[in-house]
Amino acid sequence: MLPWLWLWLWLWLCGCCGTARGLRIHEYLYFQVLSPGDIRYIFTATPAKDFGGVFNTRYDQIHLVPADPPEACGELNNGVFIQDQIALVERGGCSFLSKTRVIQEHGGLAVIIADNAYDNDSFYIEMVQDSSRRTADIPALFLLGRDGYMIRRSLEQHGLPWAVISIPVNVTSIPTYEMMQPPWTFW
């Protein structure tokens, strides 16, 4: 690869260039799907910019429950399953903050909002507060559309109501050759 291309890639990944918009490594949060086994990968998510809480606890085995309806803009049909778990929500229909508040009101510990562009495997959306002046206390994370789609598809194929995940995962303690990354996503 040409030296200038390496430099541009590094600047983009670090967010150090005024013309390229990337995220610094400390702005990522990682989680690992433990079950179902066909998506047993470490996924990358980004926290909301100016709302929501932070992970003060590491959850070694917690359910990642897809919201029903997926956009989670109102009452949930499966809200009882989201209580004390983490919800997987799809982007669209209402603000990121509204989705986070719906999950919080149903007793969810956090929300992972996947992009509704199923082919998105590289562009992270910056989730910001809406103009309502409301707040949310639970962590809210943004997940690439391809990752969210693959998780939901696997659950449907296996007839499972949720995945089992560990969150957050400290990837600095995992040797590079052992990191199970989604094969469809460029790291």
C-alpha atoms as a PDB file:
ATOM      1  CA  MET A   1       0.000   0.000   0.000  1.00  0.00           C
ATOM      2  CA  LEU A   2       1.253   3.497  -0.776  1.00  0.00           C
ATOM      3  CA  PRO A   3       2.597   5.459   2.243  1.00  0.00           C
ATOM      4  CA  TRP A   4       0.068   8.304   1.831  1.00  0.00           C
ATOM      5  CA  LEU A   5      -2.776   5.774   1.787  1.00  0.00           C
ATOM      6  CA  TRP A   6      -1.553   4.274   5.071  1.00  0.00           C
ATOM      7  CA  LEU A   7      -1.441   7.746   6.580  1.00  0.00           C
ATOM      8  CA  TRP A   8      -4.955   8.601   5.366  1.00  0.00           C
ATOM      9  CA  LEU A   9      -6.305   5.294   6.739  1.00  0.00           C
ATOM     10  CA  TRP A  10      -4.625   5.892  10.096  1.00  0.00           C
ATOM     11  CA  LEU A  11      -5.984   9.452  10.296  1.00  0.00           C
ATOM     12  CA  TRP A  12      -9.484   8.286   9.388  1.00  0.00           C
ATOM     13  CA  LEU A  13      -9.468   5.552  12.011  1.00  0.00           C
ATOM     14  CA  CYS A  14      -8.114   7.898  14.681  1.00  0.00           C
ATOM     15  CA  GLY A  15     -10.402  10.789  13.800  1.00  0.00           C
ATOM     16  CA  CYS A  16      -7.386  13.083  13.588  1.00  0.00           C
ATOM     17  CA  CYS A  17      -8.137  14.661  10.234  1.00  0.00           C
ATOM     18  CA  GLY A  18     -10.517  17.536   9.694  1.00  0.00           C
ATOM     19  CA  THR A  19     -11.724  16.130   6.367  1.00  0.00           C
ATOM     20  CA  ALA A  20     -12.256  12.551   7.514  1.00  0.00           C
ATOM     21  CA  ARG A  21     -14.607  11.632  10.330  1.00  0.00           C
ATOM     22  CA  GLY A  22     -13.625   8.582  12.332  1.00  0.00           C
ATOM     23  CA  LEU A  23     -13.861   7.477  15.915  1.00  0.00           C
ATOM     24  CA  ARG A  24     -10.986   7.137  18.314  1.00  0.00           C
ATOM     25  CA  ILE A  25     -10.412   3.681  19.728  1.00  0.00           C
ATOM     26  CA  HIS A  26     -11.633   4.713  23.206  1.00  0.00           C
ATOM     27  CA  GLU A  27     -14.997   5.656  21.703  1.00  0.00           C
ATOM     28  CA  TYR A  28     -15.780   2.043  20.805  1.00  0.00           C
ATOM     29  CA  LEU A  29     -17.405  -0.511  23.035  1.00  0.00           C
ATOM     30  CA  TYR A  30     -17.199  -4.222  22.285  1.00  0.00           C
ATOM     31  CA  PHE A  31     -19.547  -7.090  23.041  1.00  0.00           C
ATOM     32  CA  GLN A  32     -19.361 -10.782  22.255  1.00  0.00           C
ATOM     33  CA  VAL A  33     -22.202 -13.029  21.195  1.00  0.00           C
ATOM     34  CA  LEU A  34     -21.870 -16.323  23.055  1.00  0.00           C
ATOM     35  CA  SER A  35     -24.957 -17.986  21.614  1.00  0.00           C
ATOM     36  CA  PRO A  36     -26.068 -18.878  18.971  1.00  0.00           C
ATOM     37  CA  GLY A  37     -22.698 -20.260  17.920  1.00  0.00           C
ATOM     38  CA  ASP A  38     -22.877 -19.287  14.253  1.00  0.00           C
ATOM     39  CA  ILE A  39     -22.516 -15.597  15.228  1.00  0.00           C
ATOM     40  CA  ARG A  40     -20.066 -16.092  18.092  1.00  0.00           C
ATOM     41  CA  TYR A  41     -18.131 -12.949  17.233  1.00  0.00           C
ATOM     42  CA  ILE A  42     -16.915  -9.797  18.931  1.00  0.00           C
ATOM     43  CA  PHE A  43     -18.947  -6.838  17.685  1.00  0.00           C
ATOM     44  CA  THR A  44     -18.093  -3.149  17.801  1.00  0.00           C
ATOM     45  CA  ALA A  45     -20.586  -0.500  18.903  1.00  0.00           C
ATOM     46  CA  THR A  46     -20.347   3.213  19.638  1.00  0.00           C
ATOM     47  CA  PRO A  47     -21.977   4.927  22.626  1.00  0.00           C
ATOM     48  CA  ALA A  48     -24.462   7.768  22.274  1.00  0.00           C
ATOM     49  CA  LYS A  49     -22.726  11.125  22.220  1.00  0.00           C
ATOM     50  CA  ASP A  50     -24.739  13.176  24.709  1.00  0.00           C
ATOM     51  CA  PHE A  51     -27.350  11.002  26.408  1.00  0.00           C
ATOM     52  CA  GLY A  52     -27.619   7.709  28.228  1.00  0.00           C
ATOM     53  CA  GLY A  53     -25.596   6.019  30.915  1.00  0.00           C
ATOM     54  CA  VAL A  54     -22.361   4.063  30.922  1.00  0.00           C
ATOM     55  CA  PHE A  55     -21.594   0.436  31.656  1.00  0.00           C
ATOM     56  CA  ASN A  56     -20.548   0.276  35.312  1.00  0.00           C
ATOM     57  CA  THR A  57     -20.927  -3.509  35.351  1.00  0.00           C
ATOM     58  CA  ARG A  58     -19.645  -6.223  33.060  1.00  0.00           C
ATOM     59  CA  TYR A  59     -22.320  -8.723  32.114  1.00  0.00           C
ATOM     60  CA  ASP A  60     -20.783 -12.121  31.354  1.00  0.00           C
ATOM     61  CA  GLN A  61     -24.006 -13.762  30.166  1.00  0.00           C
ATOM     62  CA  ILE A  62     -26.985 -11.548  29.524  1.00  0.00           C
ATOM     63  CA  HIS A  63     -29.767 -11.755  26.968  1.00  0.00           C
ATOM     64  CA  LEU A  64     -29.769  -9.522  23.905  1.00  0.00           C
ATOM     65  CA  VAL A  65     -33.491  -9.372  23.137  1.00  0.00           C
ATOM     66  CA  PRO A  66     -34.712  -8.043  19.765  1.00  0.00           C
ATOM     67  CA  ALA A  67     -37.495  -5.545  20.425  1.00  0.00           C
ATOM     68  CA  ASP A  68     -40.961  -6.245  19.056  1.00  0.00           C
ATOM     69  CA  PRO A  69     -41.714  -4.070  17.140  1.00  0.00           C
ATOM     70  CA  PRO A  70     -38.095  -3.652  16.026  1.00  0.00           C
ATOM     71  CA  GLU A  71     -38.112   0.166  15.994  1.00  0.00           C
ATOM     72  CA  ALA A  72     -39.228   0.366  19.664  1.00  0.00           C
ATOM     73  CA  CYS A  73     -41.002   3.701  19.267  1.00  0.00           C
ATOM     74  CA  GLY A  74     -43.876   2.817  21.614  1.00  0.00           C
ATOM     75  CA  GLU A  75     -45.301  -0.035  23.626  1.00  0.00           C
ATOM     76  CA  LEU A  76     -43.413  -3.300  23.155  1.00  0.00           C
ATOM     77  CA  ASN A  77     -45.096  -6.663  22.607  1.00  0.00           C
ATOM     78  CA  ASN A  78     -42.193  -8.421  24.331  1.00  0.00           C
ATOM     79  CA  GLY A  79     -41.413  -5.848  27.024  1.00  0.00           C
ATOM     80  CA  VAL A  80     -41.522  -8.479  29.757  1.00  0.00           C
ATOM     81  CA  PHE A  81     -38.513 -10.220  28.156  1.00  0.00           C
ATOM     82  CA  ILE A  82     -36.507  -6.981  28.001  1.00  0.00           C
ATOM     83  CA  GLN A  83     -36.691  -6.338  31.741  1.00  0.00           C
ATOM     84  CA  ASP A  84     -33.203  -6.712  33.279  1.00  0.00           C
ATOM     85  CA  GLN A  85     -31.747  -7.548  29.844  1.00  0.00           C
ATOM     86  CA  ILE A  86     -30.320  -5.634  26.876  1.00  0.00           C
ATOM     87  CA  ALA A  87     -32.546  -4.775  23.927  1.00  0.00           C
ATOM     88  CA  LEU A  88     -31.632  -4.899  20.248  1.00  0.00           C
ATOM     89  CA  VAL A  89     -33.541  -2.160  18.435  1.00  0.00           C
ATOM     90  CA  GLU A  90     -33.639  -1.028  14.818  1.00  0.00           C
ATOM     91  CA  ARG A  91     -33.018   2.568  13.742  1.00  0.00           C
ATOM     92  CA  GLY A  92     -35.937   4.549  12.305  1.00  0.00           C
ATOM     93  CA  GLY A  93     -39.418   5.747  13.230  1.00  0.00           C
ATOM     94  CA  CYS A  94     -38.385   7.953  16.170  1.00  0.00           C
ATOM     95  CA  SER A  95     -35.290   9.469  17.759  1.00  0.00           C
ATOM     96  CA  PHE A  96     -32.469   7.467  19.316  1.00  0.00           C
ATOM     97  CA  LEU A  97     -33.352   9.019  22.672  1.00  0.00           C
ATOM     98  CA  SER A  98     -37.025   7.984  22.331  1.00  0.00           C
ATOM     99  CA  LYS A  99     -35.976   4.379  21.660  1.00  0.00           C
ATOM    100  CA  THR A 100     -33.644   4.428  24.658  1.00  0.00           C
ATOM    101  CA  ARG A 101     -36.408   5.754  26.907  1.00  0.00           C
ATOM    102  CA  VAL A 102     -38.850   3.054  25.722  1.00  0.00           C
ATOM    103  CA  ILE A 103     -36.333   0.350  26.609  1.00  0.00           C
ATOM    104  CA  GLN A 104     -35.585   2.025  29.945  1.00  0.00           C
ATOM    105  CA  GLU A 105     -39.316   2.212  30.750  1.00  0.00           C
ATOM    106  CA  HIS A 106     -39.560  -1.535  30.081  1.00  0.00           C
ATOM    107  CA  GLY A 107     -36.762  -2.194  32.575  1.00  0.00           C
ATOM    108  CA  GLY A 108     -33.964  -2.798  30.066  1.00  0.00           C
ATOM    109  CA  LEU A 109     -30.401  -2.365  31.313  1.00  0.00           C
ATOM    110  CA  ALA A 110     -29.131  -1.018  27.971  1.00  0.00           C
ATOM    111  CA  VAL A 111     -30.113  -0.660  24.327  1.00  0.00           C
ATOM    112  CA  ILE A 112     -28.160  -1.486  21.188  1.00  0.00           C
ATOM    113  CA  ILE A 113     -29.603   0.366  18.194  1.00  0.00           C
ATOM    114  CA  ALA A 114     -28.681  -1.219  14.868  1.00  0.00           C
ATOM    115  CA  ASP A 115     -28.704   0.811  11.684  1.00  0.00           C
ATOM    116  CA  ASN A 116     -31.692   0.039   9.444  1.00  0.00           C
ATOM    117  CA  ALA A 117     -29.396   0.071   6.404  1.00  0.00           C
ATOM    118  CA  TYR A 118     -28.659  -3.665   6.355  1.00  0.00           C
ATOM    119  CA  ASP A 119     -25.732  -3.242   3.987  1.00  0.00           C
ATOM    120  CA  ASN A 120     -23.947  -0.753   6.306  1.00  0.00           C
ATOM    121  CA  ASP A 121     -20.795  -2.508   7.444  1.00  0.00           C
ATOM    122  CA  SER A 122     -18.504   0.460   8.099  1.00  0.00           C
ATOM    123  CA  PHE A 123     -20.268   3.794   8.853  1.00  0.00           C
ATOM    124  CA  TYR A 124     -21.127   4.613  12.461  1.00  0.00           C
ATOM    125  CA  ILE A 125     -23.916   7.120  13.080  1.00  0.00           C
ATOM    126  CA  GLU A 126     -23.387   9.641  15.856  1.00  0.00           C
ATOM    127  CA  MET A 127     -26.389   9.289  18.152  1.00  0.00           C
ATOM    128  CA  VAL A 128     -27.306  12.643  19.675  1.00  0.00           C
ATOM    129  CA  GLN A 129     -30.065  13.868  21.964  1.00  0.00           C
ATOM    130  CA  ASP A 130     -33.264  15.102  20.360  1.00  0.00           C
ATOM    131  CA  SER A 131     -34.731  18.533  21.081  1.00  0.00           C
ATOM    132  CA  SER A 132     -37.194  17.261  23.707  1.00  0.00           C
ATOM    133  CA  ARG A 133     -34.969  17.955  26.761  1.00  0.00           C
ATOM    134  CA  ARG A 134     -35.695  14.438  28.014  1.00  0.00           C
ATOM    135  CA  THR A 135     -32.984  12.225  29.472  1.00  0.00           C
ATOM    136  CA  ALA A 136     -32.168   8.531  29.654  1.00  0.00           C
ATOM    137  CA  ASP A 137     -30.112   6.725  32.263  1.00  0.00           C
ATOM    138  CA  ILE A 138     -29.310   3.437  30.521  1.00  0.00           C
ATOM    139  CA  PRO A 139     -26.417   3.017  28.064  1.00  0.00           C
ATOM    140  CA  ALA A 140     -27.317   3.406  24.378  1.00  0.00           C
ATOM    141  CA  LEU A 141     -25.024   1.978  21.695  1.00  0.00           C
ATOM    142  CA  PHE A 142     -25.027   2.165  17.905  1.00  0.00           C
ATOM    143  CA  LEU A 143     -24.381  -1.023  15.917  1.00  0.00           C
ATOM    144  CA  LEU A 144     -23.647  -1.328  12.213  1.00  0.00           C
ATOM    145  CA  GLY A 145     -26.628  -2.396  10.111  1.00  0.00           C
ATOM    146  CA  ARG A 146     -24.980  -5.540   8.755  1.00  0.00           C
ATOM    147  CA  ASP A 147     -24.128  -6.699  12.288  1.00  0.00           C
ATOM    148  CA  GLY A 148     -27.658  -6.124  13.571  1.00  0.00           C
ATOM    149  CA  TYR A 149     -29.133  -7.864  10.543  1.00  0.00           C
ATOM    150  CA  MET A 150     -26.868 -10.902  10.947  1.00  0.00           C
ATOM    151  CA  ILE A 151     -27.714 -11.232  14.654  1.00  0.00           C
ATOM    152  CA  ARG A 152     -31.475 -11.013  14.004  1.00  0.00           C
ATOM    153  CA  ARG A 153     -31.216 -13.407  11.032  1.00  0.00           C
ATOM    154  CA  SER A 154     -29.365 -15.995  13.111  1.00  0.00           C
ATOM    155  CA  LEU A 155     -31.964 -15.787  15.882  1.00  0.00           C
ATOM    156  CA  GLU A 156     -34.770 -16.252  13.346  1.00  0.00           C
ATOM    157  CA  GLN A 157     -33.018 -19.220  11.711  1.00  0.00           C
ATOM    158  CA  HIS A 158     -32.590 -20.921  15.074  1.00  0.00           C
ATOM    159  CA  GLY A 159     -36.048 -19.945  16.346  1.00  0.00           C
ATOM    160  CA  LEU A 160     -34.511 -18.216  19.364  1.00  0.00           C
ATOM    161  CA  PRO A 161     -36.074 -15.265  21.219  1.00  0.00           C
ATOM    162  CA  TRP A 162     -32.669 -13.797  22.181  1.00  0.00           C
ATOM    163  CA  ALA A 163     -28.901 -14.126  21.961  1.00  0.00           C
ATOM    164  CA  VAL A 164     -26.602 -14.528  24.946  1.00  0.00           C
ATOM    165  CA  ILE A 165     -23.843 -11.919  25.071  1.00  0.00           C
ATOM    166  CA  SER A 166     -21.010 -10.596  27.238  1.00  0.00           C
ATOM    167  CA  ILE A 167     -20.739  -6.824  27.414  1.00  0.00           C
ATOM    168  CA  PRO A 168     -18.472  -4.875  27.571  1.00  0.00           C
ATOM    169  CA  VAL A 169     -15.517  -6.948  26.385  1.00  0.00           C
ATOM    170  CA  ASN A 170     -11.957  -5.727  26.899  1.00  0.00           C
ATOM    171  CA  VAL A 171     -10.373  -6.477  23.521  1.00  0.00           C
ATOM    172  CA  THR A 172      -6.939  -5.272  24.633  1.00  0.00           C
ATOM    173  CA  SER A 173      -6.558  -8.465  26.648  1.00  0.00           C
ATOM    174  CA  ILE A 174      -7.347 -10.745  23.685  1.00  0.00           C
ATOM    175  CA  PRO A 175      -4.494 -11.736  21.368  1.00  0.00           C
ATOM    176  CA  THR A 176      -5.187 -10.606  17.795  1.00  0.00           C
ATOM    177  CA  TYR A 177      -5.128 -14.153  16.439  1.00  0.00           C
ATOM    178  CA  GLU A 178      -7.869 -15.173  18.907  1.00  0.00           C
ATOM    179  CA  MET A 179     -10.257 -12.288  18.176  1.00  0.00           C
ATOM    180  CA  MET A 180     -13.330 -13.682  16.495  1.00  0.00           C
ATOM    181  CA  GLN A 181     -14.440 -10.812  14.317  1.00  0.00           C
ATOM    182  CA  PRO A 182     -17.470 -10.894  12.033  1.00  0.00           C
ATOM    183  CA  PRO A 183     -16.184 -12.007   8.613  1.00  0.00           C
ATOM    184  CA  TRP A 184     -18.428  -9.456   6.861  1.00  0.00           C
ATOM    185  CA  THR A 185     -17.028  -6.426   8.733  1.00  0.00           C
ATOM    186  CA  PHE A 186     -13.730  -4.627   8.100  1.00  0.00           C
ATOM    187  CA  TRP A 187     -11.905  -3.924  11.364  1.00  0.00           C
END
